[in-house]
């Protein structure tokens, strides 16, 4: 991943909770299978129409509710390019980053419409709406968070660090 992502916008409103993102009746399925039902509570076609790289754009409090990791994991399985919201629920935000998903806050999400082509520069903290020829400020991803996202999440980052530093595996330290 570079410092930028480009994709088409999928618009959602305020207070999209984890039960909407990943409906609880599918929790027993694998993450790949559960991803087929992502957002189905409000958009039954989402999982079948979203394309790899598309960007979720939402209002306030995206990802509220439970702390279960299946919600952002389902979106990762759908290969969502990034998520932009006015605000995120704190635990969802961190779970998404830990899974390698880019998340940025932007006060101007209501100016973006379904299907708009948007380009996010994570390091600069800007979102360019190509469809409307408008630029909006958004939060920057600090370099250490951007590194986690670029490496595919916290687990992959730790694997890389362990190999880089010749750290013993946890089992070897017992």
C-alpha atoms as a PDB file:
ATOM      1  CA  UNK A   1       0.000   0.000   0.000  1.00  0.00           C
ATOM      2  CA  UNK A   2       1.157   3.458  -0.742  1.00  0.00           C
ATOM      3  CA  UNK A   3       0.255   6.586   1.155  1.00  0.00           C
ATOM      4  CA  UNK A   4      -2.807   6.966  -1.059  1.00  0.00           C
ATOM      5  CA  UNK A   5      -5.969   5.019  -1.845  1.00  0.00           C
ATOM      6  CA  UNK A   6      -8.402   5.577  -4.659  1.00  0.00           C
ATOM      7  CA  UNK A   7     -11.851   4.016  -4.912  1.00  0.00           C
ATOM      8  CA  UNK A   8     -15.559   4.548  -5.319  1.00  0.00           C
ATOM      9  CA  UNK A   9     -17.556   5.723  -2.323  1.00  0.00           C
ATOM     10  CA  UNK A  10     -20.152   3.563  -0.568  1.00  0.00           C
ATOM     11  CA  UNK A  11     -22.193   5.895   1.618  1.00  0.00           C
ATOM     12  CA  UNK A  12     -23.598   5.051   5.054  1.00  0.00           C
ATOM     13  CA  UNK A  13     -25.043   7.301   7.749  1.00  0.00           C
ATOM     14  CA  UNK A  14     -24.530   7.821  11.462  1.00  0.00           C
ATOM     15  CA  UNK A  15     -24.335   5.166  14.185  1.00  0.00           C
ATOM     16  CA  UNK A  16     -23.542   2.190  11.967  1.00  0.00           C
ATOM     17  CA  UNK A  17     -22.826  -0.364  14.653  1.00  0.00           C
ATOM     18  CA  UNK A  18     -20.998  -3.688  14.523  1.00  0.00           C
ATOM     19  CA  UNK A  19     -24.312  -5.600  14.367  1.00  0.00           C
ATOM     20  CA  UNK A  20     -25.065  -3.780  11.112  1.00  0.00           C
ATOM     21  CA  UNK A  21     -21.545  -4.216   9.738  1.00  0.00           C
ATOM     22  CA  UNK A  22     -21.441  -7.915  10.614  1.00  0.00           C
ATOM     23  CA  UNK A  23     -24.867  -9.280  11.627  1.00  0.00           C
ATOM     24  CA  UNK A  24     -24.633 -11.470  14.753  1.00  0.00           C
ATOM     25  CA  UNK A  25     -26.617 -14.358  13.254  1.00  0.00           C
ATOM     26  CA  UNK A  26     -23.563 -15.098  11.049  1.00  0.00           C
ATOM     27  CA  UNK A  27     -20.950 -15.055  13.827  1.00  0.00           C
ATOM     28  CA  UNK A  28     -20.497 -18.825  13.734  1.00  0.00           C
ATOM     29  CA  UNK A  29     -19.392 -18.700  10.086  1.00  0.00           C
ATOM     30  CA  UNK A  30     -15.818 -18.192   9.001  1.00  0.00           C
ATOM     31  CA  UNK A  31     -14.880 -14.565   8.445  1.00  0.00           C
ATOM     32  CA  UNK A  32     -14.841 -15.142   4.680  1.00  0.00           C
ATOM     33  CA  UNK A  33     -18.374 -16.589   4.765  1.00  0.00           C
ATOM     34  CA  UNK A  34     -19.662 -13.953   7.205  1.00  0.00           C
ATOM     35  CA  UNK A  35     -18.328 -11.229   4.889  1.00  0.00           C
ATOM     36  CA  UNK A  36     -21.036 -12.181   2.379  1.00  0.00           C
ATOM     37  CA  UNK A  37     -23.571 -10.676   4.806  1.00  0.00           C
ATOM     38  CA  UNK A  38     -21.668  -7.478   5.672  1.00  0.00           C
ATOM     39  CA  UNK A  39     -23.983  -4.463   5.896  1.00  0.00           C
ATOM     40  CA  UNK A  40     -26.942  -6.636   4.837  1.00  0.00           C
ATOM     41  CA  UNK A  41     -29.147  -5.141   7.572  1.00  0.00           C
ATOM     42  CA  UNK A  42     -29.235  -1.875   5.601  1.00  0.00           C
ATOM     43  CA  UNK A  43     -27.960  -2.814   2.130  1.00  0.00           C
ATOM     44  CA  UNK A  44     -28.655  -6.398   1.051  1.00  0.00           C
ATOM     45  CA  UNK A  45     -26.588  -5.928  -2.118  1.00  0.00           C
ATOM     46  CA  UNK A  46     -23.472  -4.441  -0.490  1.00  0.00           C
ATOM     47  CA  UNK A  47     -21.305  -7.561  -0.264  1.00  0.00           C
ATOM     48  CA  UNK A  48     -22.146  -8.639  -3.804  1.00  0.00           C
ATOM     49  CA  UNK A  49     -21.627  -5.214  -5.408  1.00  0.00           C
ATOM     50  CA  UNK A  50     -18.697  -3.689  -3.504  1.00  0.00           C
ATOM     51  CA  UNK A  51     -15.448  -3.965  -5.455  1.00  0.00           C
ATOM     52  CA  UNK A  52     -11.921  -4.389  -4.078  1.00  0.00           C
ATOM     53  CA  UNK A  53     -10.593  -0.941  -3.251  1.00  0.00           C
ATOM     54  CA  UNK A  54     -13.994   0.708  -2.773  1.00  0.00           C
ATOM     55  CA  UNK A  55     -14.147   3.090   0.164  1.00  0.00           C
ATOM     56  CA  UNK A  56     -16.771   3.173   2.898  1.00  0.00           C
ATOM     57  CA  UNK A  57     -17.856   6.725   3.754  1.00  0.00           C
ATOM     58  CA  UNK A  58     -19.993   7.261   6.848  1.00  0.00           C
ATOM     59  CA  UNK A  59     -21.223   9.808   9.343  1.00  0.00           C
ATOM     60  CA  UNK A  60     -20.639   9.844  13.084  1.00  0.00           C
ATOM     61  CA  UNK A  61     -19.869   6.917  15.358  1.00  0.00           C
ATOM     62  CA  UNK A  62     -19.075   4.297  12.706  1.00  0.00           C
ATOM     63  CA  UNK A  63     -18.395   0.891  14.284  1.00  0.00           C
ATOM     64  CA  UNK A  64     -20.104   1.455  17.631  1.00  0.00           C
ATOM     65  CA  UNK A  65     -21.381  -1.498  19.611  1.00  0.00           C
ATOM     66  CA  UNK A  66     -19.492  -4.622  20.521  1.00  0.00           C
ATOM     67  CA  UNK A  67     -15.746  -4.959  20.343  1.00  0.00           C
ATOM     68  CA  UNK A  68     -15.852  -8.088  18.226  1.00  0.00           C
ATOM     69  CA  UNK A  69     -13.204  -8.168  15.552  1.00  0.00           C
ATOM     70  CA  UNK A  70     -15.474  -9.855  12.992  1.00  0.00           C
ATOM     71  CA  UNK A  71     -16.931  -6.511  11.856  1.00  0.00           C
ATOM     72  CA  UNK A  72     -13.699  -5.009  10.479  1.00  0.00           C
ATOM     73  CA  UNK A  73     -12.474  -8.484   9.503  1.00  0.00           C
ATOM     74  CA  UNK A  74     -15.528  -8.945   7.263  1.00  0.00           C
ATOM     75  CA  UNK A  75     -14.736  -5.648   5.552  1.00  0.00           C
ATOM     76  CA  UNK A  76     -11.128  -6.730   5.081  1.00  0.00           C
ATOM     77  CA  UNK A  77     -12.319  -9.937   3.417  1.00  0.00           C
ATOM     78  CA  UNK A  78     -14.315  -7.784   1.007  1.00  0.00           C
ATOM     79  CA  UNK A  79     -11.066  -5.902   0.281  1.00  0.00           C
ATOM     80  CA  UNK A  80     -12.392  -2.505   1.299  1.00  0.00           C
ATOM     81  CA  UNK A  81      -9.747   0.069   0.357  1.00  0.00           C
ATOM     82  CA  UNK A  82     -10.349   2.381   3.323  1.00  0.00           C
ATOM     83  CA  UNK A  83     -13.007   3.745   5.625  1.00  0.00           C
ATOM     84  CA  UNK A  84     -13.771   7.431   6.084  1.00  0.00           C
ATOM     85  CA  UNK A  85     -16.189   8.694   8.714  1.00  0.00           C
ATOM     86  CA  UNK A  86     -16.870  11.851  10.670  1.00  0.00           C
ATOM     87  CA  UNK A  87     -16.031   9.828  13.786  1.00  0.00           C
ATOM     88  CA  UNK A  88     -15.319   6.188  14.609  1.00  0.00           C
ATOM     89  CA  UNK A  89     -16.032   4.157  17.709  1.00  0.00           C
ATOM     90  CA  UNK A  90     -12.667   3.843  19.436  1.00  0.00           C
ATOM     91  CA  UNK A  91     -12.450   0.033  19.629  1.00  0.00           C
ATOM     92  CA  UNK A  92     -13.597  -0.445  16.034  1.00  0.00           C
ATOM     93  CA  UNK A  93     -11.026   2.119  14.887  1.00  0.00           C
ATOM     94  CA  UNK A  94      -8.202   0.262  16.615  1.00  0.00           C
ATOM     95  CA  UNK A  95      -9.427  -3.182  15.514  1.00  0.00           C
ATOM     96  CA  UNK A  96      -9.503  -1.961  11.909  1.00  0.00           C
ATOM     97  CA  UNK A  97      -5.926  -0.692  12.092  1.00  0.00           C
ATOM     98  CA  UNK A  98      -4.770  -3.892  13.798  1.00  0.00           C
ATOM     99  CA  UNK A  99      -6.243  -5.807  10.843  1.00  0.00           C
ATOM    100  CA  UNK A 100      -4.522  -3.565   8.293  1.00  0.00           C
ATOM    101  CA  UNK A 101      -7.487  -1.405   7.288  1.00  0.00           C
ATOM    102  CA  UNK A 102      -6.951   2.305   6.753  1.00  0.00           C
ATOM    103  CA  UNK A 103      -9.388   4.537   8.655  1.00  0.00           C
ATOM    104  CA  UNK A 104      -9.508   8.335   8.579  1.00  0.00           C
ATOM    105  CA  UNK A 105     -11.849  10.911  10.019  1.00  0.00           C
ATOM    106  CA  UNK A 106     -13.280  13.661   7.826  1.00  0.00           C
ATOM    107  CA  UNK A 107     -15.853  16.270   8.867  1.00  0.00           C
ATOM    108  CA  UNK A 108     -17.068  16.656   5.275  1.00  0.00           C
ATOM    109  CA  UNK A 109     -18.356  13.143   4.561  1.00  0.00           C
ATOM    110  CA  UNK A 110     -21.835  14.528   3.894  1.00  0.00           C
ATOM    111  CA  UNK A 111     -20.432  16.218   0.744  1.00  0.00           C
ATOM    112  CA  UNK A 112     -19.534  12.820  -0.752  1.00  0.00           C
ATOM    113  CA  UNK A 113     -22.206  10.935  -2.697  1.00  0.00           C
ATOM    114  CA  UNK A 114     -22.662   7.250  -3.516  1.00  0.00           C
ATOM    115  CA  UNK A 115     -20.288   6.241  -6.309  1.00  0.00           C
ATOM    116  CA  UNK A 116     -18.099   9.348  -6.185  1.00  0.00           C
ATOM    117  CA  UNK A 117     -14.482   8.592  -7.116  1.00  0.00           C
ATOM    118  CA  UNK A 118     -12.367   9.593  -4.145  1.00  0.00           C
ATOM    119  CA  UNK A 119      -8.656   9.603  -3.489  1.00  0.00           C
ATOM    120  CA  UNK A 120      -7.286   9.700   0.058  1.00  0.00           C
ATOM    121  CA  UNK A 121      -3.757  10.837   0.861  1.00  0.00           C
ATOM    122  CA  UNK A 122      -3.184   9.346   4.316  1.00  0.00           C
ATOM    123  CA  UNK A 123       0.110  11.107   4.989  1.00  0.00           C
ATOM    124  CA  UNK A 124      -1.105  14.554   3.890  1.00  0.00           C
ATOM    125  CA  UNK A 125      -4.529  14.222   5.511  1.00  0.00           C
ATOM    126  CA  UNK A 126      -6.554  15.086   2.421  1.00  0.00           C
ATOM    127  CA  UNK A 127      -9.438  13.505   0.581  1.00  0.00           C
ATOM    128  CA  UNK A 128      -9.903  14.514  -3.038  1.00  0.00           C
ATOM    129  CA  UNK A 129     -13.343  13.935  -4.533  1.00  0.00           C
ATOM    130  CA  UNK A 130     -12.563  13.520  -8.232  1.00  0.00           C
ATOM    131  CA  UNK A 131     -16.245  13.435  -9.184  1.00  0.00           C
ATOM    132  CA  UNK A 132     -16.936  16.841  -7.635  1.00  0.00           C
ATOM    133  CA  UNK A 133     -13.418  18.282  -7.986  1.00  0.00           C
ATOM    134  CA  UNK A 134     -13.330  19.108  -4.260  1.00  0.00           C
ATOM    135  CA  UNK A 135     -10.701  18.524  -1.591  1.00  0.00           C
ATOM    136  CA  UNK A 136     -11.574  17.967   2.071  1.00  0.00           C
ATOM    137  CA  UNK A 137      -9.237  17.834   5.064  1.00  0.00           C
ATOM    138  CA  UNK A 138      -9.126  14.549   6.944  1.00  0.00           C
ATOM    139  CA  UNK A 139      -7.061  13.062   9.719  1.00  0.00           C
ATOM    140  CA  UNK A 140      -3.514  12.026   8.887  1.00  0.00           C
ATOM    141  CA  UNK A 141      -2.307   8.541   9.591  1.00  0.00           C
ATOM    142  CA  UNK A 142       0.869   8.809  11.675  1.00  0.00           C
ATOM    143  CA  UNK A 143       3.831   6.992  10.165  1.00  0.00           C
ATOM    144  CA  UNK A 144       3.726   4.140  12.705  1.00  0.00           C
ATOM    145  CA  UNK A 145       0.002   3.535  12.017  1.00  0.00           C
ATOM    146  CA  UNK A 146       0.547   3.800   8.274  1.00  0.00           C
ATOM    147  CA  UNK A 147       3.308   1.194   8.622  1.00  0.00           C
ATOM    148  CA  UNK A 148       0.887  -1.194  10.379  1.00  0.00           C
ATOM    149  CA  UNK A 149      -1.662  -0.740   7.603  1.00  0.00           C
ATOM    150  CA  UNK A 150       0.954  -1.131   4.872  1.00  0.00           C
ATOM    151  CA  UNK A 151       2.262  -4.339   6.427  1.00  0.00           C
ATOM    152  CA  UNK A 152      -1.203  -5.899   6.637  1.00  0.00           C
ATOM    153  CA  UNK A 153      -1.919  -5.276  10.304  1.00  0.00           C
ATOM    154  CA  UNK A 154      -0.407  -5.806  13.724  1.00  0.00           C
ATOM    155  CA  UNK A 155       0.246  -9.560  13.420  1.00  0.00           C
ATOM    156  CA  UNK A 156       2.155  -9.154  10.157  1.00  0.00           C
ATOM    157  CA  UNK A 157       4.030  -6.179  11.586  1.00  0.00           C
ATOM    158  CA  UNK A 158       5.088  -8.202  14.644  1.00  0.00           C
ATOM    159  CA  UNK A 159       6.163 -11.134  12.473  1.00  0.00           C
ATOM    160  CA  UNK A 160       8.314  -8.780  10.433  1.00  0.00           C
ATOM    161  CA  UNK A 161       9.783  -7.196  13.568  1.00  0.00           C
ATOM    162  CA  UNK A 162      10.503 -10.587  15.132  1.00  0.00           C
ATOM    163  CA  UNK A 163      12.361 -11.712  12.025  1.00  0.00           C
ATOM    164  CA  UNK A 164      14.162  -8.399  11.705  1.00  0.00           C
ATOM    165  CA  UNK A 165      15.369  -8.395  15.292  1.00  0.00           C
ATOM    166  CA  UNK A 166      15.887 -12.151  15.587  1.00  0.00           C
ATOM    167  CA  UNK A 167      13.549 -12.204  18.535  1.00  0.00           C
ATOM    168  CA  UNK A 168      12.750 -15.691  19.791  1.00  0.00           C
ATOM    169  CA  UNK A 169       9.218 -16.945  19.435  1.00  0.00           C
ATOM    170  CA  UNK A 170       7.105 -16.807  22.607  1.00  0.00           C
ATOM    171  CA  UNK A 171       7.338 -20.606  22.864  1.00  0.00           C
ATOM    172  CA  UNK A 172      11.152 -20.453  22.920  1.00  0.00           C
ATOM    173  CA  UNK A 173      11.116 -18.152  25.949  1.00  0.00           C
ATOM    174  CA  UNK A 174       9.231 -20.572  28.192  1.00  0.00           C
END
